[in-house]
Amino acid sequence: MTLTPNGYRPRLIDAHIDNLLRMYGAVSIEGTKYCGKTWTALNHSESVFALDDPSFDYNNLKLAKADVNQAMDGDRPHLIDEWQTVPAIWDGVRRACDGTTAKGQFILCGSSTPPEVVSGDPADTPGSTPFHSGIGRITTVRMRTMSLFESGDSSGTVSLKDLFDSRFKARTGETPDMKRLIEVCAFDAGHRLRDTVAQQDAFHYWRKILRSSSRSSSPSGAPPAFMPFDLASYSRSSPRMRNTRRLSHRAEVCFSSPRA
């Protein structure tokens, strides 16, 4: 019996994850914040260990740091959410998969970019980065925000697969309100909110992302306060390709221009 959340809306990636769980010992779901990774992972899991659970002063996090095996205990498939906060979990899962021929043992889920495999540099702290890529044991799947079909804003009567297989047939139907869809955005929770609330939700999402961005997140290498101007420059140039140098120059002009 999986841990499917109440109100979960099936995703197209569900079938792909099912196939991967039949092929590999573990599946790592990666993707942007708020795209529905945890809910989708729960939909395929029998148990869960959440490292961001604040219960008992973040007891789960403390247990995992002391012994990664604590995070790996549970019915299979076992979800380890926000695993990247204790990178050694990756190696623990890889070793657990090495010890059995069983597939679909673990699901790893996290919002942040996973750390790279340890380089062998003496400066690397043991456990701060995975020692093994996980090839053959752990596979990675990239999850994105909802498509219009997944959110229920498209009937799905026109198939892209049929289009590329030269089986396209014209269909008639109502044209969705694209302005509303752009404003509401395609995050997992957006379709459950009223339009005005969903618009505010999208605004607060981007504001939070900008505030939490590091210096390295900006294409121009600028501090987080510079990020809105990077995005503004990119948005204006999105209809046609632009190189990074030109985008950075435009952003610098926006940043240095006097404002009322």
C-alpha atoms as a PDB file:
ATOM      1  CA  MET A   1       0.000   0.000   0.000  1.00  0.00           C
ATOM      2  CA  THR A   2       1.756   3.150  -1.182  1.00  0.00           C
ATOM      3  CA  LEU A   3       1.743   6.470   0.668  1.00  0.00           C
ATOM      4  CA  THR A   4      -0.136   8.338  -2.077  1.00  0.00           C
ATOM      5  CA  PRO A   5      -1.199  11.733  -0.651  1.00  0.00           C
ATOM      6  CA  ASN A   6      -4.879  12.600  -0.583  1.00  0.00           C
ATOM      7  CA  GLY A   7      -5.673  14.710  -3.639  1.00  0.00           C
ATOM      8  CA  TYR A   8      -2.638  13.516  -5.609  1.00  0.00           C
ATOM      9  CA  ARG A   9      -3.002  14.238  -9.313  1.00  0.00           C
ATOM     10  CA  PRO A  10      -1.359  11.539 -11.479  1.00  0.00           C
ATOM     11  CA  ARG A  11       1.701  12.669 -13.397  1.00  0.00           C
ATOM     12  CA  LEU A  12       2.940  11.482 -16.784  1.00  0.00           C
ATOM     13  CA  ILE A  13       6.259  10.622 -15.176  1.00  0.00           C
ATOM     14  CA  ASP A  14       4.590   8.036 -12.900  1.00  0.00           C
ATOM     15  CA  ALA A  15       4.765   5.272 -15.519  1.00  0.00           C
ATOM     16  CA  HIS A  16       8.427   6.084 -16.198  1.00  0.00           C
ATOM     17  CA  ILE A  17       9.280   5.877 -12.495  1.00  0.00           C
ATOM     18  CA  ASP A  18       7.496   2.510 -12.262  1.00  0.00           C
ATOM     19  CA  ASN A  19       9.655   1.193 -15.111  1.00  0.00           C
ATOM     20  CA  LEU A  20      12.853   2.507 -13.536  1.00  0.00           C
ATOM     21  CA  LEU A  21      11.989   0.868 -10.207  1.00  0.00           C
ATOM     22  CA  ARG A  22      11.779  -2.447 -12.060  1.00  0.00           C
ATOM     23  CA  MET A  23      15.214  -1.847 -13.599  1.00  0.00           C
ATOM     24  CA  TYR A  24      17.312  -0.317 -10.801  1.00  0.00           C
ATOM     25  CA  GLY A  25      17.838  -0.709  -7.086  1.00  0.00           C
ATOM     26  CA  ALA A  26      17.163   2.972  -6.498  1.00  0.00           C
ATOM     27  CA  VAL A  27      15.690   5.953  -8.324  1.00  0.00           C
ATOM     28  CA  SER A  28      16.700   9.550  -7.600  1.00  0.00           C
ATOM     29  CA  ILE A  29      14.079  12.165  -8.490  1.00  0.00           C
ATOM     30  CA  GLU A  30      15.533  15.591  -9.198  1.00  0.00           C
ATOM     31  CA  GLY A  31      13.852  18.838 -10.178  1.00  0.00           C
ATOM     32  CA  THR A  32      13.044  22.392  -9.274  1.00  0.00           C
ATOM     33  CA  LYS A  33      11.436  23.252  -5.978  1.00  0.00           C
ATOM     34  CA  TYR A  34       7.642  22.960  -5.792  1.00  0.00           C
ATOM     35  CA  CYS A  35       7.221  20.822  -8.921  1.00  0.00           C
ATOM     36  CA  GLY A  36       5.705  17.926  -6.966  1.00  0.00           C
ATOM     37  CA  LYS A  37       8.712  15.625  -6.428  1.00  0.00           C
ATOM     38  CA  THR A  38       7.859  14.538  -2.894  1.00  0.00           C
ATOM     39  CA  TRP A  39       4.189  13.811  -3.639  1.00  0.00           C
ATOM     40  CA  THR A  40       5.134  11.822  -6.735  1.00  0.00           C
ATOM     41  CA  ALA A  41       7.799   9.934  -4.781  1.00  0.00           C
ATOM     42  CA  LEU A  42       5.272   9.128  -2.035  1.00  0.00           C
ATOM     43  CA  ASN A  43       2.934   7.792  -4.710  1.00  0.00           C
ATOM     44  CA  HIS A  44       5.517   5.055  -5.371  1.00  0.00           C
ATOM     45  CA  SER A  45       6.725   4.471  -1.788  1.00  0.00           C
ATOM     46  CA  GLU A  46       5.753   2.121   1.007  1.00  0.00           C
ATOM     47  CA  SER A  47       7.661   4.040   3.700  1.00  0.00           C
ATOM     48  CA  VAL A  48       9.414   7.387   4.114  1.00  0.00           C
ATOM     49  CA  PHE A  49      12.249   8.963   6.070  1.00  0.00           C
ATOM     50  CA  ALA A  50      12.159  12.765   5.783  1.00  0.00           C
ATOM     51  CA  LEU A  51      15.352  14.542   6.759  1.00  0.00           C
ATOM     52  CA  ASP A  52      13.610  17.918   6.855  1.00  0.00           C
ATOM     53  CA  ASP A  53      11.122  16.724   9.495  1.00  0.00           C
ATOM     54  CA  PRO A  54      11.515  19.157  12.438  1.00  0.00           C
ATOM     55  CA  SER A  55      10.005  16.733  14.951  1.00  0.00           C
ATOM     56  CA  PHE A  56      12.010  16.314  18.163  1.00  0.00           C
ATOM     57  CA  ASP A  57      14.508  18.984  17.168  1.00  0.00           C
ATOM     58  CA  TYR A  58      15.190  17.463  13.708  1.00  0.00           C
ATOM     59  CA  ASN A  59      15.783  14.022  15.158  1.00  0.00           C
ATOM     60  CA  ASN A  60      15.716  12.332  11.727  1.00  0.00           C
ATOM     61  CA  LEU A  61      18.543  14.541  10.515  1.00  0.00           C
ATOM     62  CA  LYS A  62      20.603  13.825  13.618  1.00  0.00           C
ATOM     63  CA  LEU A  63      20.044  10.082  13.303  1.00  0.00           C
ATOM     64  CA  ALA A  64      21.087  10.065   9.648  1.00  0.00           C
ATOM     65  CA  LYS A  65      24.250  12.041  10.357  1.00  0.00           C
ATOM     66  CA  ALA A  66      25.161   9.601  13.110  1.00  0.00           C
ATOM     67  CA  ASP A  67      24.351   6.495  11.045  1.00  0.00           C
ATOM     68  CA  VAL A  68      23.003   6.572   7.486  1.00  0.00           C
ATOM     69  CA  ASN A  69      21.471   3.132   7.994  1.00  0.00           C
ATOM     70  CA  GLN A  70      18.856   4.785  10.210  1.00  0.00           C
ATOM     71  CA  ALA A  71      17.565   6.668   7.164  1.00  0.00           C
ATOM     72  CA  MET A  72      17.409   3.488   5.086  1.00  0.00           C
ATOM     73  CA  ASP A  73      15.177   1.442   7.372  1.00  0.00           C
ATOM     74  CA  GLY A  74      11.620   0.915   6.115  1.00  0.00           C
ATOM     75  CA  ASP A  75       9.348  -1.046   3.791  1.00  0.00           C
ATOM     76  CA  ARG A  76      10.363  -1.054   0.149  1.00  0.00           C
ATOM     77  CA  PRO A  77      10.274   1.040  -1.932  1.00  0.00           C
ATOM     78  CA  HIS A  78      11.591   3.319   0.820  1.00  0.00           C
ATOM     79  CA  LEU A  79      11.656   7.080   0.224  1.00  0.00           C
ATOM     80  CA  ILE A  80      14.455   9.212   1.667  1.00  0.00           C
ATOM     81  CA  ASP A  81      13.342  12.810   1.276  1.00  0.00           C
ATOM     82  CA  GLU A  82      15.859  15.691   1.154  1.00  0.00           C
ATOM     83  CA  TRP A  83      18.679  13.141   1.130  1.00  0.00           C
ATOM     84  CA  GLN A  84      21.206  15.736  -0.073  1.00  0.00           C
ATOM     85  CA  THR A  85      21.382  17.200   3.438  1.00  0.00           C
ATOM     86  CA  VAL A  86      23.387  14.065   4.350  1.00  0.00           C
ATOM     87  CA  PRO A  87      25.292  13.193   1.136  1.00  0.00           C
ATOM     88  CA  ALA A  88      26.651   9.964   2.639  1.00  0.00           C
ATOM     89  CA  ILE A  89      23.148   8.533   2.230  1.00  0.00           C
ATOM     90  CA  TRP A  90      23.836   8.224  -1.503  1.00  0.00           C
ATOM     91  CA  ASP A  91      26.744   5.858  -0.832  1.00  0.00           C
ATOM     92  CA  GLY A  92      24.738   3.993   1.787  1.00  0.00           C
ATOM     93  CA  VAL A  93      21.945   3.371  -0.702  1.00  0.00           C
ATOM     94  CA  ARG A  94      24.436   2.350  -3.372  1.00  0.00           C
ATOM     95  CA  ARG A  95      26.043  -0.214  -1.028  1.00  0.00           C
ATOM     96  CA  ALA A  96      22.619  -1.534   0.017  1.00  0.00           C
ATOM     97  CA  CYS A  97      21.750  -2.047  -3.656  1.00  0.00           C
ATOM     98  CA  ASP A  98      25.066  -3.852  -4.136  1.00  0.00           C
ATOM     99  CA  GLY A  99      24.067  -6.382  -1.495  1.00  0.00           C
ATOM    100  CA  THR A 100      20.926  -7.612  -3.239  1.00  0.00           C
ATOM    101  CA  THR A 101      19.569  -8.353  -6.691  1.00  0.00           C
ATOM    102  CA  ALA A 102      16.185  -6.885  -5.726  1.00  0.00           C
ATOM    103  CA  LYS A 103      15.043  -3.832  -7.662  1.00  0.00           C
ATOM    104  CA  GLY A 104      13.021  -0.844  -6.563  1.00  0.00           C
ATOM    105  CA  GLN A 105      14.511  -0.667  -3.079  1.00  0.00           C
ATOM    106  CA  PHE A 106      14.854   3.089  -2.609  1.00  0.00           C
ATOM    107  CA  ILE A 107      13.603   6.416  -3.913  1.00  0.00           C
ATOM    108  CA  LEU A 108      15.761   9.471  -3.286  1.00  0.00           C
ATOM    109  CA  CYS A 109      14.227  12.911  -3.462  1.00  0.00           C
ATOM    110  CA  GLY A 110      15.681  16.379  -2.987  1.00  0.00           C
ATOM    111  CA  SER A 111      15.190  19.986  -4.007  1.00  0.00           C
ATOM    112  CA  SER A 112      18.807  21.093  -4.097  1.00  0.00           C
ATOM    113  CA  THR A 113      21.388  20.157  -6.679  1.00  0.00           C
ATOM    114  CA  PRO A 114      23.085  16.965  -5.463  1.00  0.00           C
ATOM    115  CA  PRO A 115      26.801  17.323  -4.659  1.00  0.00           C
ATOM    116  CA  GLU A 116      29.266  16.009  -7.184  1.00  0.00           C
ATOM    117  CA  VAL A 117      31.105  12.728  -6.663  1.00  0.00           C
ATOM    118  CA  VAL A 118      34.204  13.186  -4.490  1.00  0.00           C
ATOM    119  CA  SER A 119      37.206  14.262  -6.555  1.00  0.00           C
ATOM    120  CA  GLY A 120      39.952  12.752  -4.420  1.00  0.00           C
ATOM    121  CA  ASP A 121      41.123  16.180  -3.350  1.00  0.00           C
ATOM    122  CA  PRO A 122      42.491  16.022   0.239  1.00  0.00           C
ATOM    123  CA  ALA A 123      40.370  19.097   0.956  1.00  0.00           C
ATOM    124  CA  ASP A 124      37.207  17.039   0.491  1.00  0.00           C
ATOM    125  CA  THR A 125      35.638  16.142   3.826  1.00  0.00           C
ATOM    126  CA  PRO A 126      34.615  12.452   4.084  1.00  0.00           C
ATOM    127  CA  GLY A 127      30.863  12.227   3.749  1.00  0.00           C
ATOM    128  CA  SER A 128      30.488  15.733   2.317  1.00  0.00           C
ATOM    129  CA  THR A 129      30.143  14.356  -1.207  1.00  0.00           C
ATOM    130  CA  PRO A 130      29.278  10.887  -2.542  1.00  0.00           C
ATOM    131  CA  PHE A 131      32.271   8.626  -3.300  1.00  0.00           C
ATOM    132  CA  HIS A 132      30.497   6.699  -6.043  1.00  0.00           C
ATOM    133  CA  SER A 133      28.399   7.795  -9.009  1.00  0.00           C
ATOM    134  CA  GLY A 134      25.888   5.017  -8.368  1.00  0.00           C
ATOM    135  CA  ILE A 135      26.001   3.847 -11.980  1.00  0.00           C
ATOM    136  CA  GLY A 136      24.119   0.595 -12.374  1.00  0.00           C
ATOM    137  CA  ARG A 137      22.516   0.881  -8.946  1.00  0.00           C
ATOM    138  CA  ILE A 138      20.962   4.358  -8.764  1.00  0.00           C
ATOM    139  CA  THR A 139      19.394   6.033 -11.762  1.00  0.00           C
ATOM    140  CA  THR A 140      18.258   9.634 -11.979  1.00  0.00           C
ATOM    141  CA  VAL A 141      15.031  11.018 -13.411  1.00  0.00           C
ATOM    142  CA  ARG A 142      14.381  14.709 -14.009  1.00  0.00           C
ATOM    143  CA  MET A 143      10.961  15.984 -12.985  1.00  0.00           C
ATOM    144  CA  ARG A 144       9.451  19.197 -14.285  1.00  0.00           C
ATOM    145  CA  THR A 145       6.403  21.295 -13.540  1.00  0.00           C
ATOM    146  CA  MET A 146       2.959  20.163 -14.650  1.00  0.00           C
ATOM    147  CA  SER A 147       2.007  20.009 -18.299  1.00  0.00           C
ATOM    148  CA  LEU A 148      -1.371  21.438 -19.280  1.00  0.00           C
ATOM    149  CA  PHE A 149      -2.673  17.897 -19.677  1.00  0.00           C
ATOM    150  CA  GLU A 150      -1.589  16.961 -16.151  1.00  0.00           C
ATOM    151  CA  SER A 151      -3.188  20.049 -14.640  1.00  0.00           C
ATOM    152  CA  GLY A 152      -6.443  19.372 -16.482  1.00  0.00           C
ATOM    153  CA  ASP A 153      -6.179  22.494 -18.658  1.00  0.00           C
ATOM    154  CA  SER A 154      -5.783  20.457 -21.849  1.00  0.00           C
ATOM    155  CA  SER A 155      -7.941  17.610 -23.125  1.00  0.00           C
ATOM    156  CA  GLY A 156      -4.892  15.782 -24.474  1.00  0.00           C
ATOM    157  CA  THR A 157      -6.721  14.923 -27.703  1.00  0.00           C
ATOM    158  CA  VAL A 158      -3.706  15.963 -29.803  1.00  0.00           C
ATOM    159  CA  SER A 159      -0.759  13.628 -29.272  1.00  0.00           C
ATOM    160  CA  LEU A 160       2.794  14.890 -29.778  1.00  0.00           C
ATOM    161  CA  LYS A 161       3.891  11.288 -30.322  1.00  0.00           C
ATOM    162  CA  ASP A 162       1.354  10.907 -33.120  1.00  0.00           C
ATOM    163  CA  LEU A 163       2.562  14.195 -34.577  1.00  0.00           C
ATOM    164  CA  PHE A 164       6.147  12.925 -34.850  1.00  0.00           C
ATOM    165  CA  ASP A 165       4.957   9.532 -36.052  1.00  0.00           C
ATOM    166  CA  SER A 166       3.096  11.257 -38.920  1.00  0.00           C
ATOM    167  CA  ARG A 167      -0.290  10.233 -37.527  1.00  0.00           C
ATOM    168  CA  PHE A 168      -1.502  13.733 -36.712  1.00  0.00           C
ATOM    169  CA  LYS A 169      -5.234  14.376 -37.009  1.00  0.00           C
ATOM    170  CA  ALA A 170      -6.817  17.785 -36.608  1.00  0.00           C
ATOM    171  CA  ARG A 171      -9.110  18.178 -33.629  1.00  0.00           C
ATOM    172  CA  THR A 172     -11.593  20.835 -32.639  1.00  0.00           C
ATOM    173  CA  GLY A 173     -11.971  22.168 -29.140  1.00  0.00           C
ATOM    174  CA  GLU A 174     -11.928  25.205 -26.926  1.00  0.00           C
ATOM    175  CA  THR A 175      -8.786  27.329 -26.767  1.00  0.00           C
ATOM    176  CA  PRO A 176      -7.616  27.709 -23.157  1.00  0.00           C
ATOM    177  CA  ASP A 177      -7.044  31.114 -21.635  1.00  0.00           C
ATOM    178  CA  MET A 178      -3.272  31.253 -22.114  1.00  0.00           C
ATOM    179  CA  LYS A 179      -2.899  34.510 -20.182  1.00  0.00           C
ATOM    180  CA  ARG A 180      -4.478  32.881 -17.143  1.00  0.00           C
ATOM    181  CA  LEU A 181      -2.331  29.765 -17.478  1.00  0.00           C
ATOM    182  CA  ILE A 182       0.849  31.836 -17.637  1.00  0.00           C
ATOM    183  CA  GLU A 183      -0.156  33.843 -14.595  1.00  0.00           C
ATOM    184  CA  VAL A 184      -1.210  30.793 -12.584  1.00  0.00           C
ATOM    185  CA  CYS A 185       1.961  28.913 -13.529  1.00  0.00           C
ATOM    186  CA  ALA A 186       2.338  25.125 -13.617  1.00  0.00           C
ATOM    187  CA  PHE A 187       3.398  24.179 -10.118  1.00  0.00           C
ATOM    188  CA  ASP A 188       1.884  21.120  -8.541  1.00  0.00           C
ATOM    189  CA  ALA A 189      -0.263  23.073  -6.074  1.00  0.00           C
ATOM    190  CA  GLY A 190      -1.250  25.818  -8.519  1.00  0.00           C
ATOM    191  CA  HIS A 191      -4.198  23.962 -10.024  1.00  0.00           C
ATOM    192  CA  ARG A 192      -5.763  23.612  -6.572  1.00  0.00           C
ATOM    193  CA  LEU A 193      -5.795  27.373  -5.954  1.00  0.00           C
ATOM    194  CA  ARG A 194      -8.149  30.053  -7.212  1.00  0.00           C
ATOM    195  CA  ASP A 195      -6.613  32.117 -10.014  1.00  0.00           C
ATOM    196  CA  THR A 196      -5.926  35.236  -7.955  1.00  0.00           C
ATOM    197  CA  VAL A 197      -4.389  33.197  -5.142  1.00  0.00           C
ATOM    198  CA  ALA A 198      -2.353  31.100  -7.591  1.00  0.00           C
ATOM    199  CA  GLN A 199      -0.931  34.260  -9.161  1.00  0.00           C
ATOM    200  CA  GLN A 200       0.217  35.473  -5.758  1.00  0.00           C
ATOM    201  CA  ASP A 201       1.613  32.008  -5.052  1.00  0.00           C
ATOM    202  CA  ALA A 202       3.745  32.159  -8.204  1.00  0.00           C
ATOM    203  CA  PHE A 203       4.960  35.655  -7.315  1.00  0.00           C
ATOM    204  CA  HIS A 204       5.973  34.635  -3.804  1.00  0.00           C
ATOM    205  CA  TYR A 205       7.702  31.522  -5.178  1.00  0.00           C
ATOM    206  CA  TRP A 206       9.970  33.538  -7.452  1.00  0.00           C
ATOM    207  CA  ARG A 207      10.646  36.152  -4.786  1.00  0.00           C
ATOM    208  CA  LYS A 208      11.708  33.405  -2.366  1.00  0.00           C
ATOM    209  CA  ILE A 209      13.929  31.802  -4.993  1.00  0.00           C
ATOM    210  CA  LEU A 210      15.623  35.125  -5.693  1.00  0.00           C
ATOM    211  CA  ARG A 211      16.211  35.804  -2.026  1.00  0.00           C
ATOM    212  CA  SER A 212      17.751  32.392  -1.432  1.00  0.00           C
ATOM    213  CA  SER A 213      19.929  32.432  -4.548  1.00  0.00           C
ATOM    214  CA  SER A 214      23.655  32.346  -4.068  1.00  0.00           C
ATOM    215  CA  ARG A 215      26.231  34.429  -5.942  1.00  0.00           C
ATOM    216  CA  SER A 216      26.986  31.507  -8.241  1.00  0.00           C
ATOM    217  CA  SER A 217      23.328  31.350  -9.334  1.00  0.00           C
ATOM    218  CA  SER A 218      23.625  34.565 -11.321  1.00  0.00           C
ATOM    219  CA  PRO A 219      24.966  34.236 -14.903  1.00  0.00           C
ATOM    220  CA  SER A 220      26.905  37.449 -14.368  1.00  0.00           C
ATOM    221  CA  GLY A 221      28.357  36.286 -11.058  1.00  0.00           C
ATOM    222  CA  ALA A 222      26.552  39.099  -9.276  1.00  0.00           C
ATOM    223  CA  PRO A 223      25.114  38.935  -5.745  1.00  0.00           C
ATOM    224  CA  PRO A 224      21.494  37.784  -5.152  1.00  0.00           C
ATOM    225  CA  ALA A 225      20.184  41.370  -5.287  1.00  0.00           C
ATOM    226  CA  PHE A 226      21.217  41.385  -8.953  1.00  0.00           C
ATOM    227  CA  MET A 227      19.139  38.343  -9.889  1.00  0.00           C
ATOM    228  CA  PRO A 228      15.853  40.168 -10.728  1.00  0.00           C
ATOM    229  CA  PHE A 229      17.718  42.122 -13.394  1.00  0.00           C
ATOM    230  CA  ASP A 230      19.258  38.959 -14.832  1.00  0.00           C
ATOM    231  CA  LEU A 231      15.772  37.495 -15.140  1.00  0.00           C
ATOM    232  CA  ALA A 232      14.356  40.682 -16.642  1.00  0.00           C
ATOM    233  CA  SER A 233      17.127  40.720 -19.236  1.00  0.00           C
ATOM    234  CA  TYR A 234      16.583  37.063 -20.061  1.00  0.00           C
ATOM    235  CA  SER A 235      12.798  37.498 -20.359  1.00  0.00           C
ATOM    236  CA  ARG A 236      13.129  40.346 -22.851  1.00  0.00           C
ATOM    237  CA  SER A 237      15.477  38.271 -24.999  1.00  0.00           C
ATOM    238  CA  SER A 238      13.715  34.911 -24.713  1.00  0.00           C
ATOM    239  CA  PRO A 239      12.021  35.045 -28.186  1.00  0.00           C
ATOM    240  CA  ARG A 240      15.465  34.886 -29.787  1.00  0.00           C
ATOM    241  CA  MET A 241      18.805  33.462 -28.813  1.00  0.00           C
ATOM    242  CA  ARG A 242      21.206  35.742 -26.947  1.00  0.00           C
ATOM    243  CA  ASN A 243      24.699  35.090 -25.699  1.00  0.00           C
ATOM    244  CA  THR A 244      25.539  35.342 -22.004  1.00  0.00           C
ATOM    245  CA  ARG A 245      27.756  38.403 -22.439  1.00  0.00           C
ATOM    246  CA  ARG A 246      24.964  40.432 -24.041  1.00  0.00           C
ATOM    247  CA  LEU A 247      22.459  39.331 -21.407  1.00  0.00           C
ATOM    248  CA  SER A 248      24.872  40.313 -18.630  1.00  0.00           C
ATOM    249  CA  HIS A 249      25.428  43.716 -20.233  1.00  0.00           C
ATOM    250  CA  ARG A 250      21.684  44.371 -20.410  1.00  0.00           C
ATOM    251  CA  ALA A 251      21.270  43.318 -16.804  1.00  0.00           C
ATOM    252  CA  GLU A 252      24.089  45.637 -15.731  1.00  0.00           C
ATOM    253  CA  VAL A 253      22.394  48.536 -17.517  1.00  0.00           C
ATOM    254  CA  CYS A 254      19.125  47.785 -15.687  1.00  0.00           C
ATOM    255  CA  PHE A 255      20.927  47.492 -12.365  1.00  0.00           C
ATOM    256  CA  SER A 256      22.848  50.740 -12.746  1.00  0.00           C
ATOM    257  CA  SER A 257      19.979  52.808 -14.197  1.00  0.00           C
ATOM    258  CA  PRO A 258      18.490  55.429 -11.807  1.00  0.00           C
ATOM    259  CA  ARG A 259      15.182  54.441 -10.279  1.00  0.00           C
ATOM    260  CA  ALA A 260      12.426  56.550  -8.846  1.00  0.00           C
END
